[in-house]
Amino acid sequence: MSTTSNPQPEPPTYVFELADFDDHHFLFAFPNEKKRPSARQIQMRRLYDILNLSLHRDDLARAKRAWSILARCKETNWKTMWTLGITLLANDVRVMESNLRKIDYLRTMLLQLPEERERILAELVQHYILAGRHRDALDELEFYLPSFPYHDNPVLHVYAGLLCVFIAQPPEPIGDNDIEGVMHDSNLLSRAQIFLERAKALDADNIVASEFLHKLHSISQGPSLHSFANHDSEDETHSTGYQPPHPKRMRSDA
């Protein structure tokens, strides 16, 4: 009588084998990511995910705690994550706003991170504008634009040109007190034209520069000059006419 032996079951796969990096799923790309991270680097990736998720959920308190740990890790170059730093300085991540802490932070990063200085300067100008400090934004641009690499950046020249146009506007009439004979500041309009023509030379397809150069031509031809936009900036007093720029400060290339 022949007997058939039952097949032996395969041994189970033990869960304490070394896990491959592909088994770890992360939500956000980490700066300077390595293909074979250590256990510490995996924990940092988790922390980075917590930081970004907290920001998406408007949980600033938790995001700041995660940032305070991550920024102290020697493997983290916190300067390269300056855009996250800007967000963490907000009072409400859902509101596009500026404040003095953001402006001071960006001015510091402008000197600390040379490889990102063009992007940081553009961000700084936007925050000056959000804060209603249009004259300060223009002064900052006029300070950096003559030097490299800012001189070859068409976006920065467009910002400078539009700021000149904005500040050159005559004051809006208050109530029934219509101000007759008040015109745009010709000096600022001339500077706006220079900036916009430079932007056009650097980027021939820049439609913003082209359209505002056409606007400037219309203003120079018409006897009656009108404002492009309403504004109530706290630091602009157009009724006094053109104000000379503030004394230039020494620029550090550190």
Protein backbone atom coordinates (compact mmCIF):
# COMPACT_ATOMS: atom_id res chain seq x y z
CA MET A 1 0.00 0.00 0.00
CA SER A 2 1.55 3.26 -1.17
CA THR A 3 1.34 6.36 0.89
CA THR A 4 1.42 9.94 -0.46
CA SER A 5 3.32 12.41 1.71
CA ASN A 6 1.74 15.80 2.36
CA PRO A 7 3.75 18.82 1.03
CA GLN A 8 5.53 20.73 3.71
CA PRO A 9 4.25 24.34 4.21
CA GLU A 10 6.64 27.15 3.30
CA PRO A 11 8.32 28.86 6.25
CA PRO A 12 6.79 32.24 7.12
CA THR A 13 8.55 35.46 6.16
CA TYR A 14 9.68 37.19 9.31
CA VAL A 15 8.72 40.82 9.71
CA PHE A 16 11.98 41.82 11.34
CA GLU A 17 13.92 41.73 8.08
CA LEU A 18 15.59 44.97 7.05
CA ALA A 19 12.99 47.13 5.36
CA ASP A 20 13.84 48.70 2.03
CA PHE A 21 13.50 52.46 1.57
CA ASP A 22 10.73 51.84 -0.96
CA ASP A 23 8.56 50.58 1.89
CA HIS A 24 8.48 54.11 3.31
CA HIS A 25 5.99 56.43 1.71
CA PHE A 26 6.35 60.17 2.22
CA LEU A 27 4.03 62.95 1.21
CA PHE A 28 6.47 65.80 0.49
CA ALA A 29 9.83 65.96 -1.25
CA PHE A 30 12.60 66.60 1.24
CA PRO A 31 15.56 68.86 0.30
CA ASN A 32 18.79 66.93 -0.44
CA GLU A 33 16.99 63.61 -0.32
CA LYS A 34 19.19 60.48 -0.25
CA LYS A 35 18.40 57.16 -1.93
CA ARG A 36 19.38 55.06 1.08
CA PRO A 37 18.48 57.12 4.15
CA SER A 38 19.35 56.11 7.66
CA ALA A 39 16.77 55.59 10.39
CA ARG A 40 17.44 59.16 11.60
CA GLN A 41 16.86 60.57 8.12
CA ILE A 42 13.61 58.64 7.83
CA GLN A 43 12.45 60.23 11.09
CA MET A 44 13.37 63.65 9.70
CA ARG A 45 11.30 62.91 6.60
CA ARG A 46 8.35 62.04 8.82
CA LEU A 47 8.84 65.28 10.70
CA TYR A 48 8.95 67.21 7.43
CA ASP A 49 5.64 65.62 6.42
CA ILE A 50 4.11 66.63 9.77
CA LEU A 51 5.33 70.21 9.23
CA ASN A 52 3.74 70.51 5.79
CA LEU A 53 0.54 68.71 6.74
CA SER A 54 0.13 71.01 9.73
CA LEU A 55 0.45 74.04 7.46
CA HIS A 56 -2.16 72.63 5.07
CA ARG A 57 -4.49 72.12 8.04
CA ASP A 58 -3.87 75.67 9.34
CA ASP A 59 -2.28 74.25 12.51
CA LEU A 60 0.50 76.82 12.92
CA ALA A 61 1.32 75.82 16.48
CA ARG A 62 2.11 72.21 15.53
CA ALA A 63 3.97 73.33 12.38
CA LYS A 64 6.19 75.65 14.42
CA ARG A 65 7.02 72.86 16.87
CA ALA A 66 8.01 70.56 14.01
CA TRP A 67 10.09 73.34 12.45
CA SER A 68 11.89 74.08 15.73
CA ILE A 69 13.05 70.45 15.90
CA LEU A 70 13.89 70.11 12.22
CA ALA A 71 15.86 73.36 12.03
CA ARG A 72 18.15 72.22 14.87
CA CYS A 73 19.14 69.01 13.08
CA LYS A 74 22.64 69.25 11.64
CA GLU A 75 21.51 67.50 8.44
CA THR A 76 19.00 70.25 7.70
CA ASN A 77 19.96 73.39 5.84
CA TRP A 78 17.12 75.56 7.10
CA LYS A 79 18.16 78.46 4.88
CA THR A 80 17.15 76.57 1.75
CA MET A 81 13.63 76.23 3.21
CA TRP A 82 13.13 80.00 3.48
CA THR A 83 9.73 79.83 1.79
CA LEU A 84 8.48 77.66 4.67
CA GLY A 85 9.94 80.16 7.11
CA ILE A 86 7.85 82.92 5.54
CA THR A 87 4.69 80.86 5.97
CA LEU A 88 5.49 80.11 9.61
CA LEU A 89 5.74 83.83 10.35
CA ALA A 90 2.13 84.39 9.28
CA ASN A 91 -0.67 85.05 11.71
CA ASP A 92 -3.05 83.03 9.55
CA VAL A 93 -1.82 80.78 6.71
CA ARG A 94 -5.16 81.24 4.90
CA VAL A 95 -4.67 85.00 4.53
CA MET A 96 -2.24 86.59 2.09
CA GLU A 97 -0.67 89.22 4.30
CA SER A 98 2.61 90.81 5.27
CA ASN A 99 4.06 91.98 8.55
CA LEU A 100 7.27 93.45 9.88
CA ARG A 101 8.67 90.05 10.91
CA LYS A 102 8.32 88.71 7.36
CA ILE A 103 10.01 91.76 5.87
CA ASP A 104 12.91 91.62 8.34
CA TYR A 105 13.27 87.88 7.74
CA LEU A 106 13.44 88.34 3.96
CA ARG A 107 15.98 91.15 4.22
CA THR A 108 18.15 88.85 6.34
CA MET A 109 17.78 85.91 3.96
CA LEU A 110 18.71 88.17 1.05
CA LEU A 111 22.21 88.38 2.56
CA GLN A 112 22.37 84.81 3.89
CA LEU A 113 21.39 82.90 0.74
CA PRO A 114 23.16 84.38 -2.33
CA GLU A 115 22.02 81.62 -4.72
CA GLU A 116 18.37 82.53 -4.10
CA ARG A 117 18.72 86.31 -3.87
CA GLU A 118 16.71 87.15 -7.00
CA ARG A 119 13.70 85.15 -5.83
CA ILE A 120 14.03 86.52 -2.31
CA LEU A 121 14.18 90.13 -3.56
CA ALA A 122 11.03 89.58 -5.64
CA GLU A 123 9.30 88.12 -2.57
CA LEU A 124 10.48 91.04 -0.42
CA VAL A 125 9.08 93.56 -2.90
CA GLN A 126 5.72 91.77 -2.88
CA HIS A 127 5.58 91.91 0.91
CA TYR A 128 6.41 95.62 0.91
CA ILE A 129 3.51 96.13 -1.51
CA LEU A 130 1.15 94.02 0.62
CA ALA A 131 2.11 96.17 3.61
CA GLY A 132 1.35 99.36 1.64
CA ARG A 133 5.01 100.41 1.69
CA HIS A 134 5.34 101.14 -2.02
CA ARG A 135 8.09 103.73 -1.66
CA ASP A 136 10.19 101.26 0.37
CA ALA A 137 9.66 98.61 -2.29
CA LEU A 138 10.88 100.98 -5.00
CA ASP A 139 13.88 102.07 -2.93
CA GLU A 140 14.85 98.42 -2.40
CA LEU A 141 14.68 97.72 -6.12
CA GLU A 142 16.61 100.85 -7.08
CA PHE A 143 19.29 99.84 -4.61
CA TYR A 144 19.84 96.34 -6.08
CA LEU A 145 18.90 96.66 -9.77
CA PRO A 146 22.14 98.36 -10.95
CA SER A 147 24.18 95.32 -9.83
CA PHE A 148 24.47 91.75 -11.08
CA PRO A 149 22.46 89.49 -11.19
CA TYR A 150 19.44 91.72 -10.58
CA HIS A 151 20.24 93.94 -13.57
CA ASP A 152 19.36 91.08 -15.96
CA ASN A 153 16.08 90.12 -14.30
CA PRO A 154 13.07 91.37 -16.34
CA VAL A 155 10.55 90.66 -13.56
CA LEU A 156 12.33 92.96 -11.11
CA HIS A 157 12.43 95.73 -13.72
CA VAL A 158 8.70 95.32 -14.31
CA TYR A 159 8.08 95.64 -10.57
CA ALA A 160 10.16 98.83 -10.45
CA GLY A 161 8.34 100.30 -13.45
CA LEU A 162 4.88 99.56 -12.06
CA LEU A 163 5.81 100.98 -8.67
CA CYS A 164 6.98 104.21 -10.33
CA VAL A 165 3.67 104.43 -12.20
CA PHE A 166 1.69 103.79 -9.03
CA ILE A 167 3.53 106.34 -6.91
CA ALA A 168 3.41 108.93 -9.72
CA GLN A 169 -0.39 109.05 -9.66
CA PRO A 170 -2.11 112.25 -8.57
CA PRO A 171 -4.09 112.11 -5.32
CA GLU A 172 -7.67 110.96 -5.49
CA PRO A 173 -10.28 113.69 -4.83
CA ILE A 174 -11.82 113.54 -1.37
CA GLY A 175 -15.57 114.05 -1.42
CA ASP A 176 -16.53 117.05 -3.54
CA ASN A 177 -13.06 118.59 -3.36
CA ASP A 178 -11.95 117.86 -6.90
CA ILE A 179 -8.31 118.75 -7.47
CA GLU A 180 -7.90 120.42 -10.85
CA GLY A 181 -4.70 120.64 -12.77
CA VAL A 182 -2.92 117.94 -10.75
CA MET A 183 -0.89 115.68 -13.03
CA HIS A 184 1.25 112.59 -12.76
CA ASP A 185 4.78 113.09 -11.56
CA SER A 186 6.76 113.33 -14.80
CA ASN A 187 10.04 112.39 -13.13
CA LEU A 188 8.65 109.11 -11.83
CA LEU A 189 6.99 108.38 -15.16
CA SER A 190 10.32 108.83 -16.92
CA ARG A 191 11.92 106.38 -14.50
CA ALA A 192 9.04 103.95 -15.08
CA GLN A 193 9.67 104.09 -18.81
CA ILE A 194 13.36 103.30 -18.30
CA PHE A 195 12.58 100.28 -16.13
CA LEU A 196 9.89 98.94 -18.47
CA GLU A 197 12.03 99.42 -21.59
CA ARG A 198 14.82 97.48 -19.87
CA ALA A 199 12.35 94.68 -19.04
CA LYS A 200 11.18 94.68 -22.66
CA ALA A 201 14.78 94.44 -23.88
CA LEU A 202 15.42 91.46 -21.60
CA ASP A 203 12.12 89.75 -22.43
CA ALA A 204 10.58 90.81 -25.73
CA ASP A 205 7.42 88.78 -25.01
CA ASN A 206 6.71 90.46 -21.67
CA ILE A 207 3.13 91.62 -22.20
CA VAL A 208 2.99 93.59 -18.93
CA ALA A 209 5.95 95.75 -19.95
CA SER A 210 4.48 96.28 -23.42
CA GLU A 211 1.04 97.29 -22.17
CA PHE A 212 2.32 99.74 -19.59
CA LEU A 213 4.73 101.32 -22.05
CA HIS A 214 1.67 101.94 -24.22
CA LYS A 215 -0.13 103.43 -21.19
CA LEU A 216 2.81 105.72 -20.49
CA HIS A 217 2.74 106.92 -24.10
CA SER A 218 -1.00 107.69 -23.75
CA ILE A 219 -0.38 109.64 -20.55
CA SER A 220 2.35 111.73 -22.12
CA GLN A 221 0.07 112.64 -25.04
CA GLY A 222 -3.09 113.56 -23.14
CA PRO A 223 -3.68 116.86 -21.31
CA SER A 224 -6.03 115.23 -18.84
CA LEU A 225 -4.34 112.58 -16.74
CA HIS A 226 -6.23 109.98 -14.80
CA SER A 227 -5.25 107.49 -12.15
CA PHE A 228 -4.86 103.81 -13.03
CA ALA A 229 -6.02 102.55 -9.64
CA ASN A 230 -7.26 103.64 -6.27
CA HIS A 231 -4.81 103.34 -3.41
CA ASP A 232 -4.69 104.31 0.24
CA SER A 233 -1.16 103.36 1.16
CA GLU A 234 -0.18 104.59 4.59
CA ASP A 235 3.26 105.68 3.43
CA GLU A 236 2.34 107.47 0.18
CA THR A 237 1.44 111.17 0.24
CA HIS A 238 0.98 112.16 -3.38
CA SER A 239 -0.36 115.63 -2.64
CA THR A 240 3.17 116.80 -1.95
CA GLY A 241 4.35 115.79 -5.40
CA TYR A 242 7.59 113.96 -6.05
CA GLN A 243 9.59 112.92 -3.03
CA PRO A 244 13.30 112.24 -3.53
CA PRO A 245 14.43 108.70 -2.66
CA HIS A 246 15.90 107.97 0.72
CA PRO A 247 19.70 108.09 1.03
CA LYS A 248 21.22 104.92 -0.33
CA ARG A 249 22.66 102.50 2.19
CA MET A 250 25.79 100.46 1.74
CA ARG A 251 25.04 97.05 0.20
CA SER A 252 26.69 93.96 1.60
CA ASP A 253 27.55 91.11 -0.73
CA ALA A 254 27.95 88.70 2.13
